[in-house]
Amino acid sequence: MKQRNLVVVSAGLSQPSSTRLLADRLAAATIEAGPGIEFTVTVIELRDLAHDIANHLLTGFPPAALKDALDAVAGADALIAVTPIFTASYSGLFKSFFDVLDKDVLDGKPVLIAATAGTARHSLALEHALRPMFAYLHAVVVPTSVFAASDDWGADSADGLLQSRITRAAGELAAEVERREPVTVADPFALTVDFKDLL
């Protein structure tokens, strides 16, 4: 069985949050969609890293907890990124986290994008805000994005249209992971030249 790392980034601000709920359901569906893959799942709650992200933007150095989160994204074989929608776009906290990533970290990495909001009027934010941002970062964004408005969490809706979107997007992400080799992260301190050649 293939061993792969799945990292889930949730930018929900409340506890509990619908953003985290959607993130958890997407992760569970991805695990289910990849029966030949054993996923190790790491969830990054940006709410807990908000001060560290701001400090990193100001100083250029990530505190330990943020460094662990950045390393997790770098070592991920796939990423699920979920944000609430504020003023027709992703949250500032969500954008700031991806601003502090090294520029090539998402290059070729499969990403599933998703968002939550109070009304379905914000659903196009996935296509005009999130998808272009991840395309700019050279991520491989799966075709199906998942949007959940408040109405989607009703008893009749959660097991219907929303679940079908979750299942479809998760299947696409698992298929991308299945056809790729595992991610290897180069050690920046590893010697690439024999020590005696340096003398």
N, C-alpha and C. Protein backbone atom coordinates (compact mmCIF):
# COMPACT_ATOMS: atom_id res chain seq x y z
N MET A 1 0.84 -1.19 0.00
CA MET A 1 0.00 0.00 0.00
C MET A 1 0.88 1.25 0.00
N LYS A 2 0.52 2.23 -0.81
CA LYS A 2 1.29 3.46 -0.90
C LYS A 2 1.07 4.32 0.34
N GLN A 3 2.15 4.91 0.84
CA GLN A 3 2.08 5.82 1.98
C GLN A 3 2.18 7.24 1.45
N ARG A 4 1.20 8.08 1.77
CA ARG A 4 1.21 9.45 1.28
C ARG A 4 0.79 10.42 2.39
N ASN A 5 1.27 11.65 2.28
CA ASN A 5 0.94 12.69 3.25
C ASN A 5 -0.11 13.63 2.68
N LEU A 6 -1.21 13.78 3.40
CA LEU A 6 -2.29 14.70 3.02
C LEU A 6 -2.34 15.81 4.06
N VAL A 7 -2.19 17.05 3.61
CA VAL A 7 -2.24 18.20 4.52
C VAL A 7 -3.51 18.99 4.24
N VAL A 8 -4.22 19.31 5.31
CA VAL A 8 -5.48 20.04 5.23
C VAL A 8 -5.28 21.40 5.88
N VAL A 9 -5.48 22.47 5.12
CA VAL A 9 -5.35 23.83 5.64
C VAL A 9 -6.75 24.41 5.80
N SER A 10 -7.11 24.75 7.03
CA SER A 10 -8.43 25.30 7.32
C SER A 10 -8.28 26.71 7.88
N ALA A 11 -8.95 27.67 7.25
CA ALA A 11 -8.83 29.06 7.66
C ALA A 11 -10.06 29.55 8.43
N GLY A 12 -10.82 28.64 8.99
CA GLY A 12 -11.98 29.05 9.78
C GLY A 12 -11.56 29.84 11.01
N LEU A 13 -12.37 30.79 11.40
CA LEU A 13 -12.02 31.66 12.53
C LEU A 13 -12.73 31.29 13.82
N SER A 14 -13.86 30.63 13.72
CA SER A 14 -14.60 30.27 14.93
C SER A 14 -14.32 28.82 15.30
N GLN A 15 -14.70 28.48 16.52
CA GLN A 15 -14.59 27.09 16.98
C GLN A 15 -15.89 26.68 17.64
N PRO A 16 -16.63 25.72 17.10
CA PRO A 16 -16.35 25.03 15.82
C PRO A 16 -16.67 25.93 14.63
N SER A 17 -16.19 25.53 13.47
CA SER A 17 -16.45 26.33 12.27
C SER A 17 -16.92 25.43 11.14
N SER A 18 -17.74 25.98 10.28
CA SER A 18 -18.21 25.22 9.12
C SER A 18 -17.05 24.97 8.16
N THR A 19 -16.06 25.86 8.17
CA THR A 19 -14.88 25.69 7.33
C THR A 19 -14.12 24.43 7.73
N ARG A 20 -13.92 24.24 9.03
CA ARG A 20 -13.22 23.04 9.50
C ARG A 20 -14.08 21.79 9.26
N LEU A 21 -15.38 21.93 9.41
CA LEU A 21 -16.26 20.80 9.16
C LEU A 21 -16.15 20.35 7.70
N LEU A 22 -16.14 21.30 6.78
CA LEU A 22 -16.00 20.96 5.37
C LEU A 22 -14.62 20.35 5.11
N ALA A 23 -13.59 20.90 5.72
CA ALA A 23 -12.24 20.36 5.55
C ALA A 23 -12.17 18.91 6.01
N ASP A 24 -12.77 18.62 7.16
CA ASP A 24 -12.75 17.25 7.69
C ASP A 24 -13.49 16.28 6.77
N ARG A 25 -14.61 16.73 6.21
CA ARG A 25 -15.38 15.86 5.32
C ARG A 25 -14.63 15.60 4.01
N LEU A 26 -13.92 16.60 3.53
CA LEU A 26 -13.12 16.42 2.32
C LEU A 26 -11.96 15.45 2.57
N ALA A 27 -11.33 15.58 3.73
CA ALA A 27 -10.22 14.68 4.06
C ALA A 27 -10.72 13.24 4.18
N ALA A 28 -11.85 13.05 4.86
CA ALA A 28 -12.41 11.71 5.03
C ALA A 28 -12.79 11.10 3.68
N ALA A 29 -13.36 11.92 2.79
CA ALA A 29 -13.74 11.42 1.47
C ALA A 29 -12.52 11.08 0.62
N THR A 30 -11.44 11.84 0.78
CA THR A 30 -10.21 11.56 0.03
C THR A 30 -9.60 10.24 0.48
N ILE A 31 -9.60 10.00 1.79
CA ILE A 31 -9.10 8.73 2.31
C ILE A 31 -9.93 7.57 1.76
N GLU A 32 -11.23 7.75 1.72
CA GLU A 32 -12.13 6.71 1.22
C GLU A 32 -11.95 6.49 -0.27
N ALA A 33 -11.61 7.55 -1.00
CA ALA A 33 -11.49 7.46 -2.45
C ALA A 33 -10.18 6.82 -2.90
N GLY A 34 -9.22 6.69 -1.98
CA GLY A 34 -7.93 6.10 -2.34
C GLY A 34 -7.68 4.82 -1.57
N PRO A 35 -8.36 3.71 -1.93
CA PRO A 35 -8.22 2.47 -1.16
C PRO A 35 -6.82 1.87 -1.21
N GLY A 36 -6.05 2.19 -2.25
CA GLY A 36 -4.68 1.67 -2.35
C GLY A 36 -3.65 2.58 -1.72
N ILE A 37 -4.13 3.63 -1.06
CA ILE A 37 -3.23 4.63 -0.46
C ILE A 37 -3.52 4.73 1.03
N GLU A 38 -2.47 4.72 1.83
CA GLU A 38 -2.63 4.98 3.26
C GLU A 38 -2.19 6.42 3.52
N PHE A 39 -3.16 7.28 3.80
CA PHE A 39 -2.87 8.69 4.01
C PHE A 39 -2.53 8.97 5.47
N THR A 40 -1.48 9.75 5.66
CA THR A 40 -1.21 10.37 6.96
C THR A 40 -1.74 11.79 6.85
N VAL A 41 -2.73 12.13 7.67
CA VAL A 41 -3.40 13.42 7.55
C VAL A 41 -2.89 14.39 8.61
N THR A 42 -2.50 15.58 8.17
CA THR A 42 -2.09 16.67 9.07
C THR A 42 -3.04 17.84 8.83
N VAL A 43 -3.69 18.30 9.89
CA VAL A 43 -4.61 19.44 9.78
C VAL A 43 -3.93 20.68 10.35
N ILE A 44 -3.94 21.75 9.56
CA ILE A 44 -3.36 23.02 9.99
C ILE A 44 -4.50 24.01 10.17
N GLU A 45 -4.73 24.41 11.40
CA GLU A 45 -5.74 25.42 11.73
C GLU A 45 -5.06 26.79 11.72
N LEU A 46 -5.34 27.60 10.71
CA LEU A 46 -4.67 28.89 10.61
C LEU A 46 -5.05 29.83 11.74
N ARG A 47 -6.21 29.64 12.32
CA ARG A 47 -6.63 30.46 13.45
C ARG A 47 -5.58 30.43 14.57
N ASP A 48 -5.00 29.25 14.79
CA ASP A 48 -4.01 29.10 15.86
C ASP A 48 -2.65 29.69 15.50
N LEU A 49 -2.45 30.00 14.21
CA LEU A 49 -1.15 30.50 13.75
C LEU A 49 -1.21 31.97 13.33
N ALA A 50 -2.32 32.65 13.59
CA ALA A 50 -2.52 34.00 13.08
C ALA A 50 -1.41 34.97 13.51
N HIS A 51 -1.05 34.95 14.78
CA HIS A 51 0.00 35.85 15.27
C HIS A 51 1.35 35.49 14.66
N ASP A 52 1.62 34.17 14.55
CA ASP A 52 2.89 33.73 13.97
C ASP A 52 3.01 34.14 12.50
N ILE A 53 1.91 34.06 11.77
CA ILE A 53 1.92 34.46 10.36
C ILE A 53 2.22 35.95 10.24
N ALA A 54 1.57 36.77 11.07
CA ALA A 54 1.83 38.21 11.04
C ALA A 54 3.28 38.51 11.40
N ASN A 55 3.80 37.83 12.42
CA ASN A 55 5.20 38.04 12.81
C ASN A 55 6.15 37.65 11.68
N HIS A 56 5.84 36.55 10.99
CA HIS A 56 6.69 36.12 9.89
C HIS A 56 6.68 37.13 8.75
N LEU A 57 5.51 37.68 8.46
CA LEU A 57 5.44 38.70 7.41
C LEU A 57 6.28 39.92 7.76
N LEU A 58 6.36 40.24 9.05
CA LEU A 58 7.11 41.43 9.49
C LEU A 58 8.60 41.17 9.63
N THR A 59 8.96 39.96 10.05
CA THR A 59 10.38 39.69 10.36
C THR A 59 11.08 38.83 9.32
N GLY A 60 10.29 38.02 8.58
CA GLY A 60 10.90 37.11 7.63
C GLY A 60 11.33 35.78 8.23
N PHE A 61 11.03 35.59 9.52
CA PHE A 61 11.42 34.35 10.20
C PHE A 61 10.19 33.72 10.85
N PRO A 62 9.89 32.45 10.52
CA PRO A 62 8.71 31.82 11.11
C PRO A 62 8.97 31.29 12.51
N PRO A 63 8.09 31.57 13.47
CA PRO A 63 8.18 30.92 14.78
C PRO A 63 8.02 29.40 14.61
N ALA A 64 8.35 28.65 15.66
CA ALA A 64 8.44 27.19 15.55
C ALA A 64 7.15 26.54 15.05
N ALA A 65 6.00 26.94 15.61
CA ALA A 65 4.74 26.30 15.21
C ALA A 65 4.43 26.56 13.74
N LEU A 66 4.69 27.76 13.27
CA LEU A 66 4.46 28.08 11.86
C LEU A 66 5.46 27.35 10.97
N LYS A 67 6.71 27.23 11.42
CA LYS A 67 7.72 26.50 10.66
C LYS A 67 7.29 25.05 10.46
N ASP A 68 6.71 24.45 11.51
CA ASP A 68 6.21 23.07 11.39
C ASP A 68 5.11 22.98 10.35
N ALA A 69 4.22 23.98 10.33
CA ALA A 69 3.12 23.99 9.35
C ALA A 69 3.66 24.16 7.93
N LEU A 70 4.62 25.05 7.76
CA LEU A 70 5.21 25.27 6.43
C LEU A 70 5.94 24.02 5.95
N ASP A 71 6.63 23.34 6.87
CA ASP A 71 7.32 22.11 6.51
C ASP A 71 6.33 21.01 6.13
N ALA A 72 5.19 20.98 6.84
CA ALA A 72 4.16 19.98 6.52
C ALA A 72 3.63 20.18 5.11
N VAL A 73 3.40 21.43 4.72
CA VAL A 73 2.91 21.72 3.36
C VAL A 73 3.98 21.33 2.34
N ALA A 74 5.24 21.64 2.64
CA ALA A 74 6.33 21.30 1.71
C ALA A 74 6.43 19.79 1.50
N GLY A 75 6.17 19.02 2.55
CA GLY A 75 6.28 17.57 2.46
C GLY A 75 4.99 16.86 2.08
N ALA A 76 3.95 17.61 1.79
CA ALA A 76 2.65 17.01 1.46
C ALA A 76 2.64 16.45 0.05
N ASP A 77 2.00 15.30 -0.10
CA ASP A 77 1.75 14.76 -1.42
C ASP A 77 0.49 15.35 -2.04
N ALA A 78 -0.39 15.89 -1.20
CA ALA A 78 -1.61 16.55 -1.66
C ALA A 78 -2.07 17.53 -0.59
N LEU A 79 -2.80 18.53 -1.03
CA LEU A 79 -3.24 19.59 -0.14
C LEU A 79 -4.73 19.84 -0.32
N ILE A 80 -5.44 19.97 0.79
CA ILE A 80 -6.82 20.44 0.78
C ILE A 80 -6.82 21.81 1.43
N ALA A 81 -7.28 22.83 0.72
CA ALA A 81 -7.24 24.20 1.22
C ALA A 81 -8.67 24.74 1.28
N VAL A 82 -9.10 25.12 2.50
CA VAL A 82 -10.49 25.56 2.70
C VAL A 82 -10.49 26.90 3.41
N THR A 83 -11.23 27.84 2.87
CA THR A 83 -11.31 29.18 3.45
C THR A 83 -12.75 29.66 3.54
N PRO A 84 -13.05 30.46 4.55
CA PRO A 84 -14.33 31.19 4.48
C PRO A 84 -14.20 32.30 3.45
N ILE A 85 -15.31 32.71 2.89
CA ILE A 85 -15.32 33.81 1.91
C ILE A 85 -15.78 35.08 2.61
N PHE A 86 -14.92 36.10 2.55
CA PHE A 86 -15.23 37.41 3.10
C PHE A 86 -15.13 38.43 1.97
N THR A 87 -16.16 39.26 1.80
CA THR A 87 -16.16 40.31 0.79
C THR A 87 -15.76 39.75 -0.58
N ALA A 88 -16.38 38.65 -0.94
CA ALA A 88 -16.26 38.04 -2.27
C ALA A 88 -14.88 37.46 -2.57
N SER A 89 -14.08 37.15 -1.53
CA SER A 89 -12.78 36.55 -1.78
C SER A 89 -12.34 35.75 -0.56
N TYR A 90 -11.17 35.10 -0.66
CA TYR A 90 -10.64 34.34 0.46
C TYR A 90 -10.33 35.27 1.63
N SER A 91 -10.18 34.69 2.81
CA SER A 91 -9.89 35.51 3.99
C SER A 91 -8.43 35.99 3.94
N GLY A 92 -8.17 37.10 4.61
CA GLY A 92 -6.81 37.63 4.67
C GLY A 92 -5.85 36.66 5.34
N LEU A 93 -6.32 35.95 6.35
CA LEU A 93 -5.49 34.97 7.05
C LEU A 93 -5.07 33.85 6.10
N PHE A 94 -6.01 33.37 5.31
CA PHE A 94 -5.74 32.32 4.32
C PHE A 94 -4.68 32.79 3.33
N LYS A 95 -4.87 33.98 2.77
CA LYS A 95 -3.91 34.52 1.79
C LYS A 95 -2.54 34.73 2.42
N SER A 96 -2.51 35.23 3.65
CA SER A 96 -1.23 35.50 4.30
C SER A 96 -0.42 34.23 4.51
N PHE A 97 -1.10 33.12 4.83
CA PHE A 97 -0.39 31.86 5.01
C PHE A 97 0.30 31.45 3.72
N PHE A 98 -0.40 31.56 2.60
CA PHE A 98 0.21 31.17 1.33
C PHE A 98 1.23 32.20 0.86
N ASP A 99 1.15 33.42 1.37
CA ASP A 99 2.17 34.43 1.06
C ASP A 99 3.52 34.09 1.70
N VAL A 100 3.51 33.40 2.83
CA VAL A 100 4.78 33.12 3.52
C VAL A 100 5.38 31.77 3.12
N LEU A 101 4.70 31.00 2.27
CA LEU A 101 5.29 29.77 1.75
C LEU A 101 6.44 30.11 0.81
N ASP A 102 7.45 29.24 0.75
CA ASP A 102 8.49 29.40 -0.26
C ASP A 102 7.84 29.31 -1.64
N LYS A 103 8.39 30.04 -2.58
CA LYS A 103 7.70 30.23 -3.87
C LYS A 103 7.49 28.95 -4.68
N ASP A 104 8.33 27.94 -4.48
CA ASP A 104 8.21 26.73 -5.30
C ASP A 104 7.58 25.56 -4.56
N VAL A 105 7.10 25.77 -3.35
CA VAL A 105 6.60 24.67 -2.52
C VAL A 105 5.40 23.94 -3.14
N LEU A 106 4.54 24.68 -3.81
CA LEU A 106 3.33 24.06 -4.37
C LEU A 106 3.50 23.65 -5.83
N ASP A 107 4.68 23.81 -6.38
CA ASP A 107 4.92 23.51 -7.78
C ASP A 107 4.59 22.05 -8.09
N GLY A 108 3.54 21.81 -8.89
CA GLY A 108 3.14 20.47 -9.28
C GLY A 108 2.39 19.69 -8.22
N LYS A 109 2.05 20.31 -7.10
CA LYS A 109 1.38 19.60 -6.00
C LYS A 109 -0.13 19.59 -6.23
N PRO A 110 -0.79 18.42 -6.11
CA PRO A 110 -2.25 18.38 -6.26
C PRO A 110 -2.94 19.11 -5.11
N VAL A 111 -3.89 19.96 -5.47
CA VAL A 111 -4.61 20.76 -4.48
C VAL A 111 -6.10 20.70 -4.75
N LEU A 112 -6.87 20.50 -3.69
CA LEU A 112 -8.33 20.58 -3.75
C LEU A 112 -8.72 21.87 -3.04
N ILE A 113 -9.44 22.75 -3.73
CA ILE A 113 -9.85 24.02 -3.12
C ILE A 113 -11.32 23.96 -2.72
N ALA A 114 -11.62 24.60 -1.60
CA ALA A 114 -12.99 24.61 -1.10
C ALA A 114 -13.22 25.87 -0.30
N ALA A 115 -14.49 26.23 -0.12
CA ALA A 115 -14.82 27.45 0.61
C ALA A 115 -16.20 27.35 1.24
N THR A 116 -16.40 28.17 2.26
CA THR A 116 -17.70 28.27 2.93
C THR A 116 -18.11 29.74 2.97
N ALA A 117 -19.41 29.95 3.02
CA ALA A 117 -19.95 31.31 3.16
C ALA A 117 -21.41 31.22 3.58
N GLY A 118 -21.96 32.35 3.94
CA GLY A 118 -23.34 32.37 4.40
C GLY A 118 -24.35 32.21 3.29
N THR A 119 -23.95 32.57 2.07
CA THR A 119 -24.89 32.52 0.96
C THR A 119 -24.21 32.00 -0.29
N ALA A 120 -24.96 31.35 -1.16
CA ALA A 120 -24.42 30.80 -2.40
C ALA A 120 -23.95 31.87 -3.37
N ARG A 121 -24.28 33.14 -3.12
CA ARG A 121 -23.83 34.21 -4.00
C ARG A 121 -22.32 34.31 -4.05
N HIS A 122 -21.63 33.76 -3.05
CA HIS A 122 -20.16 33.84 -3.00
C HIS A 122 -19.47 32.66 -3.68
N SER A 123 -20.24 31.75 -4.26
CA SER A 123 -19.64 30.51 -4.76
C SER A 123 -18.60 30.72 -5.86
N LEU A 124 -18.76 31.77 -6.67
CA LEU A 124 -17.81 31.99 -7.76
C LEU A 124 -16.45 32.47 -7.27
N ALA A 125 -16.33 32.80 -5.98
CA ALA A 125 -15.03 33.22 -5.45
C ALA A 125 -13.99 32.11 -5.62
N LEU A 126 -14.43 30.86 -5.62
CA LEU A 126 -13.50 29.76 -5.84
C LEU A 126 -12.83 29.88 -7.20
N GLU A 127 -13.60 30.30 -8.19
CA GLU A 127 -13.07 30.34 -9.55
C GLU A 127 -12.35 31.65 -9.88
N HIS A 128 -12.79 32.77 -9.28
CA HIS A 128 -12.14 34.03 -9.64
C HIS A 128 -11.07 34.46 -8.63
N ALA A 129 -10.96 33.77 -7.49
CA ALA A 129 -9.96 34.15 -6.50
C ALA A 129 -9.02 32.98 -6.16
N LEU A 130 -9.57 31.87 -5.67
CA LEU A 130 -8.71 30.77 -5.23
C LEU A 130 -8.00 30.07 -6.38
N ARG A 131 -8.74 29.69 -7.40
CA ARG A 131 -8.11 28.92 -8.49
C ARG A 131 -6.98 29.72 -9.16
N PRO A 132 -7.15 31.01 -9.46
CA PRO A 132 -6.03 31.76 -10.04
C PRO A 132 -4.83 31.87 -9.10
N MET A 133 -5.07 31.99 -7.79
CA MET A 133 -3.94 32.09 -6.86
C MET A 133 -3.11 30.81 -6.88
N PHE A 134 -3.79 29.65 -6.84
CA PHE A 134 -3.05 28.40 -6.84
C PHE A 134 -2.42 28.10 -8.20
N ALA A 135 -3.06 28.57 -9.27
CA ALA A 135 -2.44 28.44 -10.60
C ALA A 135 -1.15 29.25 -10.66
N TYR A 136 -1.18 30.44 -10.07
CA TYR A 136 0.02 31.28 -10.02
C TYR A 136 1.15 30.59 -9.25
N LEU A 137 0.79 29.82 -8.21
CA LEU A 137 1.77 29.10 -7.41
C LEU A 137 2.17 27.76 -8.05
N HIS A 138 1.66 27.50 -9.26
CA HIS A 138 1.98 26.30 -10.05
C HIS A 138 1.48 25.00 -9.43
N ALA A 139 0.45 25.10 -8.59
CA ALA A 139 -0.19 23.90 -8.05
C ALA A 139 -1.06 23.27 -9.13
N VAL A 140 -1.36 21.98 -8.97
CA VAL A 140 -2.27 21.28 -9.88
C VAL A 140 -3.62 21.22 -9.17
N VAL A 141 -4.50 22.14 -9.52
CA VAL A 141 -5.80 22.23 -8.84
C VAL A 141 -6.77 21.27 -9.52
N VAL A 142 -7.40 20.40 -8.72
CA VAL A 142 -8.33 19.44 -9.31
C VAL A 142 -9.53 20.18 -9.89
N PRO A 143 -10.18 19.61 -10.92
CA PRO A 143 -11.25 20.34 -11.62
C PRO A 143 -12.43 20.73 -10.74
N THR A 144 -12.82 19.86 -9.81
CA THR A 144 -14.00 20.14 -8.99
C THR A 144 -13.62 20.87 -7.72
N SER A 145 -14.17 22.06 -7.54
CA SER A 145 -14.01 22.79 -6.28
C SER A 145 -15.31 22.61 -5.49
N VAL A 146 -15.22 22.79 -4.18
CA VAL A 146 -16.39 22.54 -3.33
C VAL A 146 -16.74 23.80 -2.55
N PHE A 147 -17.98 24.25 -2.72
CA PHE A 147 -18.48 25.41 -1.99
C PHE A 147 -19.65 24.98 -1.13
N ALA A 148 -19.66 25.43 0.11
CA ALA A 148 -20.77 25.11 1.02
C ALA A 148 -21.32 26.39 1.63
N ALA A 149 -22.56 26.71 1.30
CA ALA A 149 -23.26 27.82 1.93
C ALA A 149 -23.97 27.29 3.17
N SER A 150 -24.48 28.20 3.97
CA SER A 150 -25.17 27.80 5.20
C SER A 150 -26.30 26.82 4.92
N ASP A 151 -27.03 27.03 3.83
CA ASP A 151 -28.15 26.15 3.49
C ASP A 151 -27.70 24.72 3.18
N ASP A 152 -26.45 24.54 2.77
CA ASP A 152 -25.97 23.20 2.42
C ASP A 152 -25.81 22.30 3.63
N TRP A 153 -25.80 22.88 4.82
CA TRP A 153 -25.61 22.07 6.03
C TRP A 153 -26.94 21.60 6.61
N GLY A 154 -28.05 21.90 5.94
CA GLY A 154 -29.35 21.42 6.41
C GLY A 154 -29.44 19.90 6.29
N ALA A 155 -30.35 19.32 7.00
CA ALA A 155 -30.49 17.86 7.04
C ALA A 155 -30.71 17.26 5.66
N ASP A 156 -31.48 17.96 4.81
CA ASP A 156 -31.78 17.42 3.48
C ASP A 156 -30.63 17.63 2.51
N SER A 157 -29.86 18.72 2.72
CA SER A 157 -28.83 19.08 1.74
C SER A 157 -27.51 18.38 1.98
N ALA A 158 -27.13 18.20 3.23
CA ALA A 158 -25.79 17.71 3.55
C ALA A 158 -25.51 16.34 2.95
N ASP A 159 -26.52 15.51 2.83
CA ASP A 159 -26.32 14.18 2.28
C ASP A 159 -26.65 14.11 0.79
N GLY A 160 -26.94 15.25 0.20
CA GLY A 160 -27.32 15.28 -1.21
C GLY A 160 -26.27 15.94 -2.08
N LEU A 161 -26.56 17.16 -2.54
CA LEU A 161 -25.69 17.84 -3.49
C LEU A 161 -24.31 18.11 -2.92
N LEU A 162 -24.22 18.57 -1.68
CA LEU A 162 -22.92 18.86 -1.10
C LEU A 162 -22.07 17.60 -1.03
N GLN A 163 -22.66 16.51 -0.56
CA GLN A 163 -21.90 15.27 -0.44
C GLN A 163 -21.44 14.77 -1.81
N SER A 164 -22.25 14.95 -2.82
CA SER A 164 -21.84 14.50 -4.16
C SER A 164 -20.65 15.31 -4.66
N ARG A 165 -20.63 16.62 -4.37
CA ARG A 165 -19.49 17.45 -4.76
C ARG A 165 -18.24 17.03 -3.99
N ILE A 166 -18.41 16.78 -2.70
CA ILE A 166 -17.27 16.34 -1.87
C ILE A 166 -16.70 15.04 -2.42
N THR A 167 -17.56 14.09 -2.72
CA THR A 167 -17.11 12.79 -3.21
C THR A 167 -16.39 12.92 -4.54
N ARG A 168 -16.94 13.73 -5.43
CA ARG A 168 -16.32 13.91 -6.75
C ARG A 168 -14.95 14.57 -6.64
N ALA A 169 -14.86 15.65 -5.87
CA ALA A 169 -13.58 16.37 -5.72
C ALA A 169 -12.54 15.49 -5.03
N ALA A 170 -12.95 14.75 -4.00
CA ALA A 170 -12.03 13.87 -3.29
C ALA A 170 -11.51 12.77 -4.20
N GLY A 171 -12.37 12.24 -5.06
CA GLY A 171 -11.94 11.22 -6.01
C GLY A 171 -10.90 11.76 -6.98
N GLU A 172 -11.08 13.00 -7.41
CA GLU A 172 -10.11 13.62 -8.32
C GLU A 172 -8.76 13.82 -7.63
N LEU A 173 -8.80 14.23 -6.37
CA LEU A 173 -7.55 14.43 -5.63
C LEU A 173 -6.83 13.11 -5.40
N ALA A 174 -7.58 12.09 -4.98
CA ALA A 174 -6.97 10.77 -4.75
C ALA A 174 -6.36 10.22 -6.05
N ALA A 175 -7.01 10.46 -7.18
CA ALA A 175 -6.49 9.98 -8.47
C ALA A 175 -5.18 10.69 -8.81
N GLU A 176 -5.08 11.98 -8.52
CA GLU A 176 -3.83 12.71 -8.76
C GLU A 176 -2.71 12.17 -7.89
N VAL A 177 -3.02 11.86 -6.63
CA VAL A 177 -2.00 11.31 -5.73
C VAL A 177 -1.57 9.92 -6.20
N GLU A 178 -2.53 9.13 -6.63
CA GLU A 178 -2.27 7.75 -7.06
C GLU A 178 -1.25 7.68 -8.19
N ARG A 179 -1.32 8.63 -9.11
CA ARG A 179 -0.47 8.54 -10.30
C ARG A 179 0.89 9.25 -10.13
N ARG A 180 1.17 9.75 -8.94
CA ARG A 180 2.42 10.48 -8.72
C ARG A 180 3.33 9.74 -7.75
N GLU A 181 4.62 10.02 -7.88
CA GLU A 181 5.59 9.51 -6.92
C GLU A 181 5.47 10.34 -5.64
N PRO A 182 5.88 9.77 -4.49
CA PRO A 182 5.81 10.55 -3.26
C PRO A 182 6.74 11.76 -3.30
N VAL A 183 6.36 12.79 -2.58
CA VAL A 183 7.15 14.02 -2.52
C VAL A 183 8.40 13.77 -1.69
N THR A 184 9.52 14.26 -2.17
CA THR A 184 10.75 14.23 -1.38
C THR A 184 11.20 15.66 -1.18
N VAL A 185 11.54 15.99 0.05
CA VAL A 185 11.98 17.35 0.37
C VAL A 185 13.49 17.34 0.55
N ALA A 186 14.16 18.15 -0.24
CA ALA A 186 15.62 18.21 -0.17
C ALA A 186 16.07 18.87 1.13
N ASP A 187 17.10 18.32 1.74
CA ASP A 187 17.68 18.91 2.94
C ASP A 187 18.57 20.08 2.53
N PRO A 188 18.22 21.31 2.93
CA PRO A 188 19.01 22.47 2.50
C PRO A 188 20.42 22.48 3.08
N PHE A 189 20.65 21.65 4.12
CA PHE A 189 21.97 21.62 4.75
C PHE A 189 22.79 20.41 4.32
N ALA A 190 22.23 19.58 3.44
CA ALA A 190 22.96 18.41 2.98
C ALA A 190 24.11 18.82 2.06
N LEU A 191 25.25 18.17 2.24
CA LEU A 191 26.40 18.44 1.38
C LEU A 191 26.16 17.82 0.02
N THR A 192 26.29 18.62 -1.04
CA THR A 192 26.12 18.10 -2.39
C THR A 192 27.47 17.84 -3.04
N VAL A 193 28.54 18.27 -2.34
CA VAL A 193 29.90 18.06 -2.81
C VAL A 193 30.66 17.34 -1.72
N ASP A 194 31.50 16.38 -2.10
CA ASP A 194 32.29 15.66 -1.10
C ASP A 194 33.17 16.65 -0.33
N PHE A 195 33.25 16.44 0.98
CA PHE A 195 33.97 17.39 1.83
C PHE A 195 35.42 17.57 1.40
N LYS A 196 36.08 16.48 0.98
CA LYS A 196 37.48 16.58 0.61
C LYS A 196 37.67 17.44 -0.65
N ASP A 197 36.60 17.51 -1.51
CA ASP A 197 36.69 18.36 -2.70
C ASP A 197 36.57 19.83 -2.35
N LEU A 198 36.07 20.11 -1.15
CA LEU A 198 35.96 21.50 -0.73
C LEU A 198 37.28 22.04 -0.20
N LEU A 199 38.20 21.14 0.15
CA LEU A 199 39.48 21.55 0.74
C LEU A 199 40.47 21.98 -0.31
